[in-house]
Protein backbone atom coordinates (compact mmCIF):
# COMPACT_ATOMS: atom_id res chain seq x y z
CA MET A 1 0.00 0.00 0.00
CA GLN A 2 1.51 3.25 -1.13
CA THR A 3 0.22 5.99 1.17
CA GLY A 4 3.03 8.55 0.87
CA ALA A 5 4.05 8.07 4.49
CA ASP A 6 7.61 7.11 3.55
CA ALA A 7 8.27 10.74 2.56
CA PHE A 8 8.07 11.56 6.28
CA TRP A 9 10.47 8.83 7.47
CA GLY A 10 12.76 10.05 10.23
CA ARG A 11 10.41 12.87 11.26
CA PRO A 12 7.97 12.82 14.19
CA GLU A 13 4.94 13.20 11.91
CA TYR A 14 5.76 9.86 10.23
CA LEU A 15 3.76 8.11 12.96
CA VAL A 16 0.54 9.86 11.93
CA LYS A 17 1.01 9.98 8.15
CA GLY A 18 -0.47 7.57 5.67
CA ALA A 19 -3.51 5.39 5.89
CA GLY A 20 -3.91 2.00 7.42
CA MET A 21 -6.30 -0.90 7.36
CA THR A 22 -8.97 -2.19 9.67
CA GLY A 23 -9.45 -5.80 10.66
CA GLU A 24 -12.34 -6.00 8.22
CA SER A 25 -10.31 -4.72 5.27
CA THR A 26 -7.50 -7.16 6.09
CA LEU A 27 -9.95 -10.06 6.20
CA HIS A 28 -11.46 -8.93 2.90
CA LEU A 29 -8.04 -9.15 1.24
CA THR A 30 -7.13 -12.49 2.81
CA GLU A 31 -10.47 -13.96 1.73
CA LYS A 32 -9.49 -12.94 -1.82
CA GLY A 33 -6.25 -14.92 -1.47
CA VAL A 34 -3.82 -12.15 -0.44
CA LYS A 35 -1.02 -13.62 1.68
CA MET A 36 1.13 -10.52 2.21
CA VAL A 37 0.39 -6.83 2.66
CA GLY A 38 3.16 -4.27 2.46
CA ILE A 39 2.76 -0.64 3.46
CA ASP A 40 4.99 2.41 3.53
CA GLY A 41 3.59 3.49 6.91
CA TRP A 42 4.59 2.52 10.41
CA SER A 43 2.05 -0.32 10.48
CA PRO A 44 -0.70 -1.94 8.43
CA ASP A 45 -3.03 -0.53 11.10
CA ARG A 46 -4.26 3.05 11.09
CA PRO A 47 -2.08 5.57 12.98
CA LEU A 48 -2.28 5.19 16.78
CA PRO A 49 -3.96 8.53 17.56
CA PHE A 50 -6.87 7.57 15.29
CA LEU A 51 -7.14 4.10 16.83
CA ALA A 52 -7.05 5.61 20.33
CA ARG A 53 -9.79 8.11 19.46
CA GLU A 54 -12.02 5.36 18.05
CA PHE A 55 -11.35 3.12 21.05
CA GLY A 56 -12.26 6.02 23.36
CA LYS A 57 -15.63 6.32 21.62
CA THR A 58 -16.45 2.61 21.25
CA ALA A 59 -14.38 0.76 23.91
CA ASP A 60 -14.08 -2.00 21.29
CA PRO A 61 -10.73 -3.78 21.77
CA GLY A 62 -10.96 -5.02 18.15
CA VAL A 63 -10.09 -1.48 17.05
CA ILE A 64 -6.56 -1.74 18.44
CA ARG A 65 -4.21 -3.43 15.96
CA GLY A 66 -7.17 -4.86 14.04
CA ALA A 67 -5.20 -5.34 10.83
CA HIS A 68 -2.46 -7.20 12.69
CA PHE A 69 -4.78 -9.54 14.54
CA ALA A 70 -7.06 -10.22 11.56
CA GLY A 71 -4.10 -11.67 9.68
CA ILE A 72 -3.71 -14.36 12.34
CA ASP A 73 -6.98 -16.12 11.52
CA ILE A 74 -6.34 -16.70 7.81
CA GLY A 75 -2.60 -16.12 7.65
CA CYS A 76 -1.31 -12.85 6.27
CA CYS A 77 2.17 -11.40 6.65
CA HIS A 78 2.60 -7.68 7.14
CA VAL A 79 5.61 -5.79 5.82
CA GLU A 80 5.84 -2.34 7.36
CA LYS A 81 7.89 0.77 6.67
CA MET A 82 8.50 -0.02 2.99
CA ALA A 83 10.21 2.75 1.02
CA LYS A 84 10.26 4.01 -2.55
CA LEU A 85 7.05 2.26 -3.59
CA SER A 86 6.32 5.17 -5.93
CA SER A 87 9.43 4.36 -7.99
CA ALA A 88 8.58 0.71 -8.62
CA GLY A 89 6.34 -0.55 -11.36
CA GLY A 90 4.49 2.54 -12.50
CA SER A 91 1.09 1.63 -13.90
CA THR A 92 2.00 -2.00 -14.56
CA GLY A 93 2.74 -3.01 -10.98
CA PHE A 94 5.49 -5.26 -9.75
CA ALA A 95 6.13 -8.46 -7.85
CA VAL A 96 7.77 -8.51 -4.43
CA CYS A 97 10.03 -11.07 -2.78
CA CYS A 98 10.78 -10.70 0.93
CA PHE A 99 13.81 -12.28 2.48
CA PRO A 100 13.16 -12.58 6.23
CA VAL A 101 15.68 -12.56 9.03
CA LYS A 102 14.84 -15.33 11.48
CA ILE A 103 14.83 -14.45 15.16
CA LYS A 104 14.48 -17.23 17.72
CA ASN A 105 11.23 -17.12 19.77
CA ALA A 106 9.95 -14.00 18.04
CA SER A 107 6.62 -13.30 16.37
CA ALA A 108 8.12 -10.66 14.08
CA ALA A 109 11.40 -9.73 12.43
CA TRP A 110 12.76 -7.51 9.74
CA CYS A 111 13.13 -8.49 6.12
CA ARG A 112 14.75 -7.32 2.93
CA PRO A 113 11.97 -6.70 0.39
CA LEU A 114 12.94 -6.69 -3.26
CA ALA A 115 10.75 -5.35 -6.09
CA ILE A 116 10.83 -7.26 -9.36
CA VAL A 117 9.92 -4.80 -12.09
CA GLU A 118 9.33 -6.05 -15.62
CA ASP A 119 10.79 -3.98 -18.43
CA GLU A 120 8.08 -2.25 -20.42
CA PRO A 121 8.45 -2.29 -24.20
CA ARG A 122 9.85 0.97 -25.53
CA PRO A 123 7.95 2.74 -28.30
CA GLY A 124 9.39 2.65 -31.82
């Protein structure tokens, strides 16, 4: 998901930039066969201040980290803090391979994502 948040990396406002997903939107994608969701923001979830505000109104614990927890039921990996999505693929899209770093007894780790961009035919 390219939200434009990566342009704010290293600045305090990075944590509230970009859009995120809800548990429902994550389940919608996984039901369509999606196995991995990458985002240029801090998390696949919506920014924390927005989650906190919604939780304050509803007291629904499902609001907090809904996108993360929804991926548990069907199986969906989240890749966060991706950069330079705007420079990969243009209108044709691209494939992604992620090379994870294994960490003993951890539920998360970092990875090295790699975009595979097909060459587009040149006119003439």
